[in-house]
Amino acid sequence: ANALVMYSSRRFKTDIKPIEEPLYIIQSLEGVRYAWKETGIQDIGFIAEEVGKVIPEVVSYEDEENASGLDYSR
């Protein structure tokens, strides 16, 4: 089996602070069901532009206005 390990140990981090109001952040995210335009395949997830309003650190942008995706692992 293959495994992807995301380093999370305290020894790799600095300036560690608790997330303020984490439940508010989670409740602000809206999960959606959708179909991919190219294939029509049904999927679930989030809309990057909407997540960016709440957790901008996990969103990738093509430029200042156009979101392209999310880093779901974060």
N, C-alpha and C. Protein backbone atom coordinates (compact mmCIF):
# COMPACT_ATOMS: atom_id res chain seq x y z
N ALA A 1 0.84 -1.19 0.00
CA ALA A 1 0.00 0.00 0.00
C ALA A 1 0.88 1.24 0.00
N ASN A 2 0.39 2.26 -0.60
CA ASN A 2 1.08 3.55 -0.60
C ASN A 2 0.44 4.44 0.45
N ALA A 3 1.23 5.34 1.00
CA ALA A 3 0.70 6.25 2.01
C ALA A 3 1.25 7.64 1.76
N LEU A 4 0.44 8.62 2.04
CA LEU A 4 0.85 10.01 1.95
C LEU A 4 0.89 10.53 3.38
N VAL A 5 2.05 10.98 3.80
CA VAL A 5 2.20 11.49 5.16
C VAL A 5 2.35 13.00 5.10
N MET A 6 1.48 13.69 5.82
CA MET A 6 1.58 15.14 5.92
C MET A 6 2.25 15.44 7.26
N TYR A 7 3.41 16.08 7.21
CA TYR A 7 4.12 16.38 8.44
C TYR A 7 3.29 17.31 9.30
N SER A 8 3.16 16.95 10.57
CA SER A 8 2.31 17.73 11.46
C SER A 8 2.93 17.91 12.84
N SER A 9 4.11 17.41 13.04
CA SER A 9 4.75 17.49 14.34
C SER A 9 5.06 18.93 14.73
N ARG A 10 4.95 19.19 15.99
CA ARG A 10 5.28 20.48 16.56
C ARG A 10 6.71 20.90 16.21
N ARG A 11 7.61 19.92 16.06
CA ARG A 11 9.01 20.26 15.83
C ARG A 11 9.28 20.87 14.47
N PHE A 12 8.30 20.82 13.54
CA PHE A 12 8.44 21.42 12.23
C PHE A 12 7.77 22.79 12.12
N LYS A 13 7.23 23.28 13.23
CA LYS A 13 6.39 24.48 13.19
C LYS A 13 6.89 25.54 14.16
N THR A 14 6.50 26.77 13.88
CA THR A 14 6.81 27.88 14.76
C THR A 14 5.60 28.80 14.81
N ASP A 15 5.55 29.68 15.78
CA ASP A 15 4.46 30.65 15.92
C ASP A 15 3.10 29.95 15.94
N ILE A 16 2.96 28.90 16.73
CA ILE A 16 1.74 28.10 16.82
C ILE A 16 0.71 28.82 17.67
N LYS A 17 -0.50 28.99 17.13
CA LYS A 17 -1.59 29.66 17.84
C LYS A 17 -2.88 28.88 17.59
N PRO A 18 -3.77 28.84 18.58
CA PRO A 18 -5.06 28.18 18.36
C PRO A 18 -5.88 28.92 17.29
N ILE A 19 -6.70 28.18 16.55
CA ILE A 19 -7.61 28.80 15.59
C ILE A 19 -8.76 29.40 16.39
N GLU A 20 -9.03 30.68 16.16
CA GLU A 20 -10.12 31.34 16.87
C GLU A 20 -11.45 30.95 16.25
N GLU A 21 -12.40 30.60 17.07
CA GLU A 21 -13.76 30.23 16.68
C GLU A 21 -13.80 29.14 15.60
N PRO A 22 -13.17 28.00 15.86
CA PRO A 22 -13.12 26.95 14.82
C PRO A 22 -14.49 26.42 14.42
N LEU A 23 -15.42 26.33 15.35
CA LEU A 23 -16.76 25.84 15.00
C LEU A 23 -17.48 26.81 14.08
N TYR A 24 -17.28 28.10 14.28
CA TYR A 24 -17.87 29.11 13.40
C TYR A 24 -17.32 28.94 11.99
N ILE A 25 -16.02 28.70 11.88
CA ILE A 25 -15.39 28.52 10.58
C ILE A 25 -15.98 27.31 9.87
N ILE A 26 -16.06 26.20 10.58
CA ILE A 26 -16.60 24.97 9.99
C ILE A 26 -18.06 25.17 9.57
N GLN A 27 -18.84 25.82 10.41
CA GLN A 27 -20.25 26.04 10.08
C GLN A 27 -20.43 27.03 8.93
N SER A 28 -19.41 27.81 8.64
CA SER A 28 -19.48 28.78 7.54
C SER A 28 -19.21 28.13 6.18
N LEU A 29 -18.67 26.92 6.19
CA LEU A 29 -18.39 26.22 4.94
C LEU A 29 -19.65 25.52 4.44
N GLU A 30 -19.92 25.65 3.15
CA GLU A 30 -21.10 25.00 2.58
C GLU A 30 -20.67 23.90 1.62
N GLY A 31 -20.91 22.67 2.01
CA GLY A 31 -20.65 21.56 1.11
C GLY A 31 -21.69 21.55 0.01
N VAL A 32 -21.28 21.15 -1.19
CA VAL A 32 -22.21 21.14 -2.33
C VAL A 32 -22.10 19.83 -3.10
N ARG A 33 -23.15 19.50 -3.82
CA ARG A 33 -23.15 18.42 -4.79
C ARG A 33 -23.13 19.10 -6.15
N TYR A 34 -22.40 18.52 -7.10
CA TYR A 34 -22.29 19.14 -8.42
C TYR A 34 -21.91 18.11 -9.46
N ALA A 35 -21.96 18.52 -10.72
CA ALA A 35 -21.51 17.69 -11.83
C ALA A 35 -20.36 18.43 -12.52
N TRP A 36 -19.31 17.68 -12.89
CA TRP A 36 -18.19 18.26 -13.63
C TRP A 36 -18.65 18.60 -15.03
N LYS A 37 -18.33 19.79 -15.51
CA LYS A 37 -18.76 20.24 -16.84
C LYS A 37 -18.25 19.32 -17.95
N GLU A 38 -17.01 18.89 -17.88
CA GLU A 38 -16.41 18.09 -18.95
C GLU A 38 -16.97 16.68 -19.05
N THR A 39 -17.29 16.08 -17.90
CA THR A 39 -17.68 14.66 -17.90
C THR A 39 -19.11 14.40 -17.47
N GLY A 40 -19.70 15.34 -16.75
CA GLY A 40 -21.03 15.13 -16.20
C GLY A 40 -21.03 14.26 -14.96
N ILE A 41 -19.85 13.83 -14.51
CA ILE A 41 -19.74 12.98 -13.33
C ILE A 41 -20.16 13.77 -12.09
N GLN A 42 -21.03 13.15 -11.29
CA GLN A 42 -21.49 13.76 -10.05
C GLN A 42 -20.40 13.68 -8.99
N ASP A 43 -20.31 14.71 -8.15
CA ASP A 43 -19.29 14.76 -7.12
C ASP A 43 -19.80 15.60 -5.95
N ILE A 44 -19.02 15.62 -4.88
CA ILE A 44 -19.32 16.49 -3.74
C ILE A 44 -18.05 17.23 -3.36
N GLY A 45 -18.19 18.36 -2.72
CA GLY A 45 -17.03 19.13 -2.29
C GLY A 45 -17.43 20.54 -1.90
N PHE A 46 -16.56 21.47 -2.22
CA PHE A 46 -16.75 22.87 -1.89
C PHE A 46 -16.47 23.73 -3.11
N ILE A 47 -16.93 24.97 -3.09
CA ILE A 47 -16.63 25.94 -4.13
C ILE A 47 -15.48 26.80 -3.63
N ALA A 48 -14.38 26.80 -4.37
CA ALA A 48 -13.15 27.47 -3.93
C ALA A 48 -13.38 28.94 -3.58
N GLU A 49 -14.14 29.64 -4.40
CA GLU A 49 -14.39 31.06 -4.13
C GLU A 49 -15.07 31.27 -2.79
N GLU A 50 -15.99 30.38 -2.45
CA GLU A 50 -16.71 30.50 -1.18
C GLU A 50 -15.81 30.15 0.01
N VAL A 51 -15.03 29.09 -0.14
CA VAL A 51 -14.09 28.71 0.93
C VAL A 51 -13.07 29.82 1.15
N GLY A 52 -12.64 30.46 0.07
CA GLY A 52 -11.66 31.54 0.17
C GLY A 52 -12.10 32.70 1.03
N LYS A 53 -13.40 32.90 1.16
CA LYS A 53 -13.93 33.97 2.03
C LYS A 53 -13.74 33.62 3.50
N VAL A 54 -13.64 32.33 3.80
CA VAL A 54 -13.56 31.86 5.18
C VAL A 54 -12.15 31.39 5.54
N ILE A 55 -11.52 30.62 4.66
CA ILE A 55 -10.18 30.05 4.91
C ILE A 55 -9.32 30.29 3.65
N PRO A 56 -8.87 31.50 3.44
CA PRO A 56 -8.12 31.81 2.21
C PRO A 56 -6.81 31.02 2.07
N GLU A 57 -6.27 30.53 3.17
CA GLU A 57 -4.99 29.80 3.13
C GLU A 57 -5.05 28.51 2.34
N VAL A 58 -6.23 27.95 2.15
CA VAL A 58 -6.34 26.65 1.48
C VAL A 58 -6.73 26.78 0.00
N VAL A 59 -6.91 28.00 -0.48
CA VAL A 59 -7.36 28.22 -1.86
C VAL A 59 -6.20 28.63 -2.75
N SER A 60 -6.14 28.06 -3.95
CA SER A 60 -5.16 28.44 -4.98
C SER A 60 -5.85 29.38 -5.95
N TYR A 61 -5.12 30.42 -6.37
CA TYR A 61 -5.67 31.42 -7.29
C TYR A 61 -4.83 31.50 -8.55
N GLU A 62 -5.49 31.64 -9.70
CA GLU A 62 -4.80 31.89 -10.96
C GLU A 62 -4.29 33.32 -10.99
N ASP A 63 -5.09 34.23 -10.44
CA ASP A 63 -4.74 35.63 -10.29
C ASP A 63 -5.53 36.15 -9.09
N GLU A 64 -5.54 37.43 -8.85
CA GLU A 64 -6.19 37.97 -7.65
C GLU A 64 -7.69 37.71 -7.57
N GLU A 65 -8.33 37.47 -8.70
CA GLU A 65 -9.78 37.32 -8.72
C GLU A 65 -10.27 35.90 -9.00
N ASN A 66 -9.45 35.07 -9.62
CA ASN A 66 -9.92 33.77 -10.08
C ASN A 66 -9.32 32.61 -9.30
N ALA A 67 -10.17 31.99 -8.47
CA ALA A 67 -9.76 30.81 -7.72
C ALA A 67 -9.70 29.62 -8.67
N SER A 68 -8.74 28.72 -8.43
CA SER A 68 -8.63 27.54 -9.28
C SER A 68 -8.87 26.24 -8.52
N GLY A 69 -8.63 26.24 -7.21
CA GLY A 69 -8.83 25.00 -6.48
C GLY A 69 -8.58 25.14 -4.99
N LEU A 70 -8.72 24.00 -4.31
CA LEU A 70 -8.53 23.92 -2.87
C LEU A 70 -7.47 22.86 -2.54
N ASP A 71 -6.78 23.08 -1.46
CA ASP A 71 -5.89 22.04 -0.94
C ASP A 71 -6.70 21.33 0.15
N TYR A 72 -7.43 20.30 -0.25
CA TYR A 72 -8.30 19.58 0.68
C TYR A 72 -7.53 18.96 1.85
N SER A 73 -6.27 18.65 1.66
CA SER A 73 -5.50 18.04 2.74
C SER A 73 -5.29 19.00 3.91
N ARG A 74 -5.41 20.27 3.65
CA ARG A 74 -5.22 21.25 4.72
C ARG A 74 -6.48 21.42 5.51
